[in-house]
Amino acid sequence: MTQTALSHTPESVGITTASANHVAAPVRQLLRLGVAGLAWLLAGLVTYAWPDLPGQPGSSLTADLAAVQVLIGALLLAAIPLRGRLGAAGRWFERNGPRLAGLAVLLTIWQVASSKTGYWKQPYVPGPQAIVEVYFKEYARLLDGIRSSLILLATGVGLGAAAGFLTGLATGWSRKVGYWTRPVLRYIGPVPATALIPVALFAFPSSFTAGVFLVALATWFSVAVLTWSGVESVPSEYYDVARTQGSSQWFLLLRVAVPAALPHVFVGLFMGLGSALSVLVVAEMVGVKSGLGYFLDWSQSWGAYGHLIAGLFLMALLFSLLTTALFKLRNKLVVGRKGDIQW
C-alpha cells in the first residue's frame, strides 16, 4: 500500500507530466512542419492538375508556380529531420509552420476561386500567376516606383520628424516657446494633411515639393505632440539629481530630458510614419505623377487589376519593412523597457 501511495504523490505526477510535455513538444513541432509541407504540396497539385479557364492572364506561368509550391512543400518536409542542424532557420520554420500552412490554404482558395472556376468575378480578381506575371513584366516600372516613393517618403519623413522633434522639445521644455506653439499644435496640427493637397499643389513650385510638404506635415504633428508629452512627463527627481552634480541647463535638456523622452518620441515616429504613408499614396495618386501610388492609380484607370493587386502587395511589403526597421532602431536606442510592443 505504501509503495502504491508513493507512486501517486504530487512529485511523481509532476515528473510524469513534465516528461509527457517533453515528448509532446517535438511531436507538435513535427506536425507543424509536416502539415505545412503537405499543404504546399497540395497547393502545387491543385495549381498544376486543375486546368485554368480559357483566357486567364498568366496561364503560361501556371506550371512554374506549381513547381515553386511543390518545392516549398518538399523543403518543409525535408526540414523535419534536419531541424536540429538548421539552427535559427529551423526554429523559424517550427514557429511559423502554422502560418505557412495557412498561406498555402489561402493561395489554394484564391487559385480555385479565380483562375480555376471563375467564382470570383473576372477580371477583377485574377489568379496568383497573373500577379507573378506582372512582377516579371513590369519590374522596371515597379523598381522606379519604389525609388520615387522612397525618395519622397525619406525626404518628407526626415524633415517632418526633425521639425516635430524640435517643436515638441521646445514646447515641453520652455514655457515661453510653448505659449506660441501649443495653439498651433492644438488647432492646426489635427487638420488632415490630405485636406491640404489642393493648397499644397497651388502653393509649391512642383508636385514633388508639395508631396514632401504634405508628408512632412503628417509626420510633424505626431512627433511634436508625443515629444512634448515625453519631455513634460520626465520625473522632476531626474533633474534634481543632475542639478546636485552641478549640471547645466543644456546637460539637463540633452542628457536627461531627451533620453527619458525617447520612448514617447518613437511612439510619435510610429504614428507619424503611418500617417505619412497614407499621405504619400494619396499625394502620388492625385498630384505627384510617380511612385507606387501613381502606379496604383494608373492600373485602376486602365482596368489592369492584376497590376493593381501586384502594386498593393509590393506596397504592403515595403511599408512593413520600413516599420520593422523603425522598431529595430527603437530597440537599439531604447533599452531596459519591458512591455513595449514588439513587431
Protein backbone atom coordinates (compact mmCIF):
# COMPACT_ATOMS: atom_id res chain seq x y z
CA MET A 1 0.00 0.00 0.00
CA THR A 2 2.82 2.41 0.86
CA GLN A 3 4.55 1.81 -2.43
CA THR A 4 1.30 2.33 -4.34
CA ALA A 5 0.62 5.55 -2.48
CA LEU A 6 4.10 6.89 -3.16
CA SER A 7 3.70 6.24 -6.86
CA HIS A 8 0.86 8.78 -6.95
CA THR A 9 2.46 11.58 -4.94
CA PRO A 10 2.36 15.13 -6.43
CA GLU A 11 6.07 14.95 -7.15
CA SER A 12 5.70 11.82 -9.23
CA VAL A 13 2.69 13.22 -11.06
CA GLY A 14 4.65 16.41 -11.85
CA ILE A 15 7.57 14.40 -13.19
CA THR A 16 5.24 12.34 -15.35
CA THR A 17 3.52 15.46 -16.72
CA ALA A 18 6.85 17.13 -17.47
CA SER A 19 8.06 14.02 -19.27
CA ALA A 20 4.86 13.89 -21.30
CA ASN A 21 5.21 17.55 -22.27
CA HIS A 22 8.86 16.98 -23.16
CA VAL A 23 7.81 14.20 -25.51
CA ALA A 24 4.78 16.07 -26.88
CA ALA A 25 6.74 19.20 -27.83
CA PRO A 26 8.78 17.54 -30.62
CA VAL A 27 5.61 15.84 -31.86
CA ARG A 28 3.86 19.20 -32.15
CA GLN A 29 6.86 20.61 -33.98
CA LEU A 30 6.83 17.68 -36.40
CA LEU A 31 3.12 18.16 -37.01
CA ARG A 32 3.61 21.87 -37.68
CA LEU A 33 6.23 21.31 -40.35
CA GLY A 34 4.51 18.22 -41.72
CA VAL A 35 1.13 19.90 -42.12
CA ALA A 36 2.75 22.95 -43.70
CA GLY A 37 4.72 20.81 -46.15
CA LEU A 38 1.66 18.77 -47.14
CA ALA A 39 -0.40 21.95 -47.55
CA TRP A 40 2.13 23.36 -50.02
CA LEU A 41 2.33 20.06 -51.91
CA LEU A 42 -1.46 20.03 -52.18
CA ALA A 43 -1.44 23.65 -53.37
CA GLY A 44 1.05 22.75 -56.10
CA LEU A 45 -1.03 19.75 -57.13
CA VAL A 46 -4.19 21.85 -57.42
CA THR A 47 -2.37 24.54 -59.39
CA TYR A 48 -0.92 22.07 -61.89
CA ALA A 49 -3.63 19.42 -62.23
CA TRP A 50 -6.68 21.68 -62.32
CA PRO A 51 -6.79 23.43 -65.74
CA ASP A 52 -7.11 27.20 -65.89
CA LEU A 53 -10.15 28.74 -67.52
CA PRO A 54 -9.55 29.88 -71.11
CA GLY A 55 -8.05 33.32 -71.49
CA GLN A 56 -6.78 33.63 -67.93
CA PRO A 57 -3.85 36.08 -67.62
CA GLY A 58 -0.60 34.49 -66.53
CA SER A 59 -1.59 30.97 -67.58
CA SER A 60 1.85 30.46 -69.13
CA LEU A 61 3.31 30.58 -65.61
CA THR A 62 0.89 28.09 -64.04
CA ALA A 63 3.30 25.16 -64.28
CA ASP A 64 6.15 27.28 -62.90
CA LEU A 65 4.02 28.42 -59.97
CA ALA A 66 3.06 24.82 -59.24
CA ALA A 67 6.73 23.79 -59.30
CA VAL A 68 7.61 26.52 -56.78
CA GLN A 69 4.78 25.43 -54.48
CA VAL A 70 5.89 21.80 -54.63
CA LEU A 71 9.48 22.86 -53.96
CA ILE A 72 8.42 24.80 -50.86
CA GLY A 73 6.47 21.78 -49.61
CA ALA A 74 9.42 19.47 -50.21
CA LEU A 75 11.77 21.82 -48.36
CA LEU A 76 9.43 21.98 -45.38
CA LEU A 77 9.20 18.19 -45.22
CA ALA A 78 12.97 17.87 -45.63
CA ALA A 79 13.46 20.29 -42.74
CA ILE A 80 11.78 17.87 -40.31
CA PRO A 81 14.76 15.52 -39.81
CA LEU A 82 17.25 18.38 -40.20
CA ARG A 83 15.60 20.94 -37.92
CA GLY A 84 18.19 20.41 -35.17
CA ARG A 85 21.02 21.26 -37.57
CA LEU A 86 19.39 24.30 -39.14
CA GLY A 87 19.79 26.48 -36.05
CA ALA A 88 17.82 29.72 -36.21
CA ALA A 89 16.32 28.79 -39.58
CA GLY A 90 14.97 25.54 -38.13
CA ARG A 91 13.41 27.35 -35.19
CA TRP A 92 11.87 29.87 -37.59
CA PHE A 93 10.26 27.08 -39.63
CA GLU A 94 8.91 25.42 -36.48
CA ARG A 95 7.50 28.66 -35.11
CA ASN A 96 5.90 29.72 -38.40
CA GLY A 97 4.73 26.30 -39.57
CA PRO A 98 1.01 27.03 -38.98
CA ARG A 99 1.33 30.38 -40.74
CA LEU A 100 3.00 28.78 -43.75
CA ALA A 101 0.23 26.19 -43.87
CA GLY A 102 -2.40 28.94 -43.68
CA LEU A 103 -0.69 30.82 -46.51
CA ALA A 104 -0.79 27.70 -48.69
CA VAL A 105 -4.50 27.25 -47.96
CA LEU A 106 -5.24 30.89 -48.83
CA LEU A 107 -3.32 30.61 -52.10
CA THR A 108 -5.24 27.45 -52.98
CA ILE A 109 -8.59 29.11 -52.27
CA TRP A 110 -7.53 32.13 -54.33
CA GLN A 111 -6.40 29.88 -57.17
CA VAL A 112 -9.61 27.84 -57.26
CA ALA A 113 -11.97 30.80 -56.88
CA SER A 114 -10.28 32.87 -59.60
CA SER A 115 -8.41 31.18 -62.43
CA LYS A 116 -9.83 27.66 -61.99
CA THR A 117 -13.57 28.24 -61.60
CA GLY A 118 -14.13 31.98 -62.13
CA TYR A 119 -16.23 32.10 -58.95
CA TRP A 120 -14.70 35.49 -58.22
CA LYS A 121 -15.80 37.83 -60.97
CA GLN A 122 -13.17 38.24 -63.65
CA PRO A 123 -11.07 40.19 -64.50
CA TYR A 124 -11.28 41.97 -61.16
CA VAL A 125 -9.54 39.21 -59.17
CA PRO A 126 -7.04 37.39 -61.40
CA GLY A 127 -5.18 34.31 -60.21
CA PRO A 128 -1.83 34.30 -58.39
CA GLN A 129 0.05 33.50 -61.60
CA ALA A 130 -1.25 36.75 -63.12
CA ILE A 131 0.31 38.67 -60.23
CA VAL A 132 3.62 36.85 -60.72
CA GLU A 133 3.50 37.72 -64.42
CA VAL A 134 3.16 41.41 -63.55
CA TYR A 135 6.31 41.26 -61.44
CA PHE A 136 8.25 39.71 -64.34
CA LYS A 137 6.97 42.10 -67.00
CA GLU A 138 6.76 45.34 -65.02
CA TYR A 139 9.74 45.00 -62.71
CA ALA A 140 11.45 48.07 -64.22
CA ARG A 141 8.42 50.31 -63.62
CA LEU A 142 7.90 48.88 -60.16
CA LEU A 143 11.53 49.45 -59.18
CA ASP A 144 11.31 53.01 -60.45
CA GLY A 145 8.11 53.47 -58.46
CA ILE A 146 9.78 52.15 -55.31
CA ARG A 147 12.70 54.52 -55.84
CA SER A 148 10.44 57.53 -56.32
CA SER A 149 8.28 56.66 -53.31
CA LEU A 150 11.28 56.10 -51.04
CA ILE A 151 12.89 59.40 -52.06
CA LEU A 152 9.69 61.32 -51.40
CA LEU A 153 9.00 59.43 -48.17
CA ALA A 154 12.54 59.74 -46.80
CA THR A 155 12.70 63.47 -47.55
CA GLY A 156 9.28 64.23 -46.09
CA VAL A 157 9.57 61.99 -43.02
CA GLY A 158 13.11 63.18 -42.32
CA LEU A 159 12.15 66.85 -42.43
CA GLY A 160 8.88 66.29 -40.57
CA ALA A 161 10.48 64.16 -37.85
CA ALA A 162 13.28 66.69 -37.29
CA ALA A 163 10.85 69.62 -37.17
CA GLY A 164 8.45 67.70 -34.95
CA PHE A 165 11.19 66.66 -32.53
CA LEU A 166 12.50 70.22 -32.20
CA THR A 167 8.98 71.63 -31.86
CA GLY A 168 7.99 69.11 -29.19
CA LEU A 169 11.27 69.50 -27.34
CA ALA A 170 10.99 73.29 -27.23
CA THR A 171 7.30 73.15 -26.30
CA GLY A 172 7.83 70.77 -23.41
CA TRP A 173 10.99 72.46 -22.14
CA SER A 174 10.25 76.17 -22.42
CA ARG A 175 7.05 77.82 -21.26
CA LYS A 176 7.77 80.85 -23.42
CA VAL A 177 8.08 78.76 -26.57
CA GLY A 178 5.12 76.62 -25.56
CA TYR A 179 2.97 79.75 -25.23
CA TRP A 180 3.23 80.19 -29.01
CA THR A 181 3.50 76.61 -30.25
CA ARG A 182 0.71 74.96 -28.27
CA PRO A 183 -2.12 76.79 -30.09
CA VAL A 184 -0.58 75.74 -33.40
CA LEU A 185 -0.36 72.11 -32.32
CA ARG A 186 -3.89 72.13 -30.91
CA TYR A 187 -5.73 73.82 -33.76
CA ILE A 188 -3.67 73.40 -36.93
CA GLY A 189 -1.94 70.09 -36.26
CA PRO A 190 -5.10 67.91 -36.25
CA VAL A 191 -6.08 69.09 -39.75
CA PRO A 192 -5.59 66.07 -42.08
CA ALA A 193 -2.67 66.59 -44.41
CA THR A 194 -4.71 65.16 -47.29
CA ALA A 195 -7.18 68.05 -46.92
CA LEU A 196 -4.35 70.42 -47.79
CA ILE A 197 -3.44 68.73 -51.09
CA PRO A 198 -5.11 71.41 -53.29
CA VAL A 199 -3.43 74.19 -51.29
CA ALA A 200 -0.03 72.47 -51.45
CA LEU A 201 -0.22 71.86 -55.20
CA PHE A 202 -1.05 75.53 -55.71
CA ALA A 203 1.48 76.96 -53.23
CA PHE A 204 4.57 74.94 -54.13
CA PRO A 205 6.51 75.17 -57.40
CA SER A 206 6.41 71.44 -58.16
CA SER A 207 4.35 68.41 -57.28
CA PHE A 208 7.40 66.82 -55.62
CA THR A 209 7.91 69.70 -53.18
CA ALA A 210 4.18 69.71 -52.49
CA GLY A 211 4.32 65.99 -51.71
CA VAL A 212 7.33 66.49 -49.44
CA PHE A 213 5.46 69.21 -47.54
CA LEU A 214 2.37 67.03 -47.06
CA VAL A 215 4.37 64.00 -45.89
CA ALA A 216 6.44 66.21 -43.57
CA LEU A 217 3.29 67.80 -42.15
CA ALA A 218 1.72 64.41 -41.43
CA THR A 219 4.88 63.30 -39.63
CA TRP A 220 5.49 66.59 -37.81
CA PHE A 221 2.27 66.66 -35.81
CA SER A 222 2.56 63.17 -34.26
CA VAL A 223 6.25 63.53 -33.43
CA ALA A 224 5.78 67.03 -31.98
CA VAL A 225 2.87 66.08 -29.71
CA LEU A 226 4.48 62.88 -28.41
CA THR A 227 7.87 64.56 -27.87
CA TRP A 228 6.15 67.37 -25.99
CA SER A 229 4.35 64.78 -23.85
CA GLY A 230 7.56 62.85 -23.25
CA VAL A 231 9.54 65.89 -22.09
CA GLU A 232 6.80 67.04 -19.73
CA SER A 233 6.41 63.54 -18.25
CA VAL A 234 10.06 63.24 -17.16
CA PRO A 235 10.05 62.93 -13.33
CA SER A 236 11.39 66.02 -11.57
CA GLU A 237 13.64 63.79 -9.46
CA TYR A 238 15.79 63.16 -12.54
CA TYR A 239 16.53 66.86 -12.84
CA ASP A 240 17.10 67.25 -9.09
CA VAL A 241 19.73 64.52 -9.05
CA ALA A 242 21.51 66.06 -12.04
CA ARG A 243 21.41 69.55 -10.51
CA THR A 244 23.10 68.30 -7.34
CA GLN A 245 26.05 67.37 -9.56
CA GLY A 246 26.24 70.90 -10.93
CA SER A 247 24.75 70.08 -14.34
CA SER A 248 23.96 72.90 -16.75
CA GLN A 249 20.63 73.52 -18.45
CA TRP A 250 21.97 72.10 -21.71
CA PHE A 251 23.04 68.94 -19.88
CA LEU A 252 19.58 68.60 -18.34
CA LEU A 253 17.99 69.03 -21.75
CA LEU A 254 20.25 66.80 -23.84
CA ARG A 255 21.34 64.17 -21.32
CA VAL A 256 18.26 63.89 -19.09
CA ALA A 257 15.13 65.10 -20.88
CA VAL A 258 15.84 63.71 -24.35
CA PRO A 259 16.84 60.14 -23.30
CA ALA A 260 13.92 59.91 -20.88
CA ALA A 261 11.50 61.10 -23.57
CA LEU A 262 12.79 58.76 -26.31
CA PRO A 263 10.03 56.12 -25.83
CA HIS A 264 7.41 58.81 -26.45
CA VAL A 265 9.39 60.11 -29.42
CA PHE A 266 9.35 56.68 -31.06
CA VAL A 267 5.61 56.33 -30.48
CA GLY A 268 5.26 59.60 -32.34
CA LEU A 269 7.52 58.30 -35.11
CA PHE A 270 5.39 55.15 -35.48
CA MET A 271 2.21 57.20 -35.69
CA GLY A 272 3.84 59.74 -37.98
CA LEU A 273 5.13 57.05 -40.33
CA GLY A 274 1.66 55.56 -40.65
CA SER A 275 0.15 58.95 -41.44
CA ALA A 276 2.99 59.75 -43.84
CA LEU A 277 2.47 56.51 -45.76
CA SER A 278 -1.22 57.27 -46.21
CA VAL A 279 -0.50 60.81 -47.37
CA LEU A 280 2.25 59.54 -49.68
CA VAL A 281 -0.11 57.22 -51.54
CA VAL A 282 -2.84 59.86 -51.88
CA ALA A 283 -0.37 62.53 -52.99
CA GLU A 284 1.13 60.24 -55.63
CA MET A 285 -2.32 59.30 -56.91
CA VAL A 286 -3.56 62.89 -57.10
CA GLY A 287 -0.65 65.14 -57.97
CA VAL A 288 2.79 63.52 -57.84
CA LYS A 289 2.90 61.54 -61.08
CA SER A 290 5.43 58.97 -59.92
CA GLY A 291 5.83 56.30 -57.26
CA LEU A 292 3.79 53.28 -56.25
CA GLY A 293 0.69 55.38 -55.58
CA TYR A 294 0.77 56.63 -59.17
CA PHE A 295 1.24 53.03 -60.37
CA LEU A 296 -1.93 52.05 -58.49
CA ASP A 297 -3.86 54.97 -59.96
CA TRP A 298 -2.64 54.13 -63.48
CA SER A 299 -3.61 50.47 -63.02
CA GLN A 300 -7.10 51.35 -61.85
CA SER A 301 -7.60 53.83 -64.71
CA TRP A 302 -6.71 51.23 -67.34
CA GLY A 303 -8.55 48.36 -65.68
CA ALA A 304 -5.28 46.45 -65.14
CA TYR A 305 -6.44 44.74 -61.98
CA GLY A 306 -3.54 42.31 -61.89
CA HIS A 307 -1.18 45.30 -61.84
CA LEU A 308 -3.29 46.89 -59.11
CA ILE A 309 -3.10 43.84 -56.83
CA ALA A 310 0.61 43.38 -57.54
CA GLY A 311 1.24 47.01 -56.58
CA LEU A 312 -0.76 46.62 -53.37
CA PHE A 313 1.22 43.52 -52.36
CA LEU A 314 4.51 45.26 -53.08
CA MET A 315 3.42 48.36 -51.18
CA ALA A 316 2.38 46.28 -48.16
CA LEU A 317 5.75 44.51 -48.13
CA LEU A 318 7.70 47.75 -48.48
CA PHE A 319 5.79 49.56 -45.73
CA SER A 320 6.07 46.54 -43.42
CA LEU A 321 9.85 46.51 -43.90
CA LEU A 322 10.05 50.22 -43.10
CA THR A 323 8.04 49.73 -39.91
CA THR A 324 10.23 46.77 -38.94
CA ALA A 325 13.36 48.87 -39.44
CA LEU A 326 11.92 51.60 -37.21
CA PHE A 327 11.14 49.06 -34.47
CA LYS A 328 14.69 47.69 -34.65
CA LEU A 329 16.05 51.21 -34.30
CA ARG A 330 13.78 51.74 -31.27
CA ASN A 331 15.01 48.52 -29.66
CA LYS A 332 18.62 49.57 -30.14
CA LEU A 333 18.23 53.10 -28.77
CA VAL A 334 15.65 52.46 -26.04
CA VAL A 335 16.81 49.65 -23.75
CA GLY A 336 15.61 48.30 -20.44
CA ARG A 337 11.87 48.81 -21.05
CA LYS A 338 9.58 45.84 -20.54
CA GLY A 339 6.13 45.59 -22.02
CA ASP A 340 6.86 47.58 -25.17
CA ILE A 341 5.17 46.32 -28.31
CA GLN A 342 7.42 44.15 -30.46
CA TRP A 343 6.98 43.95 -34.23
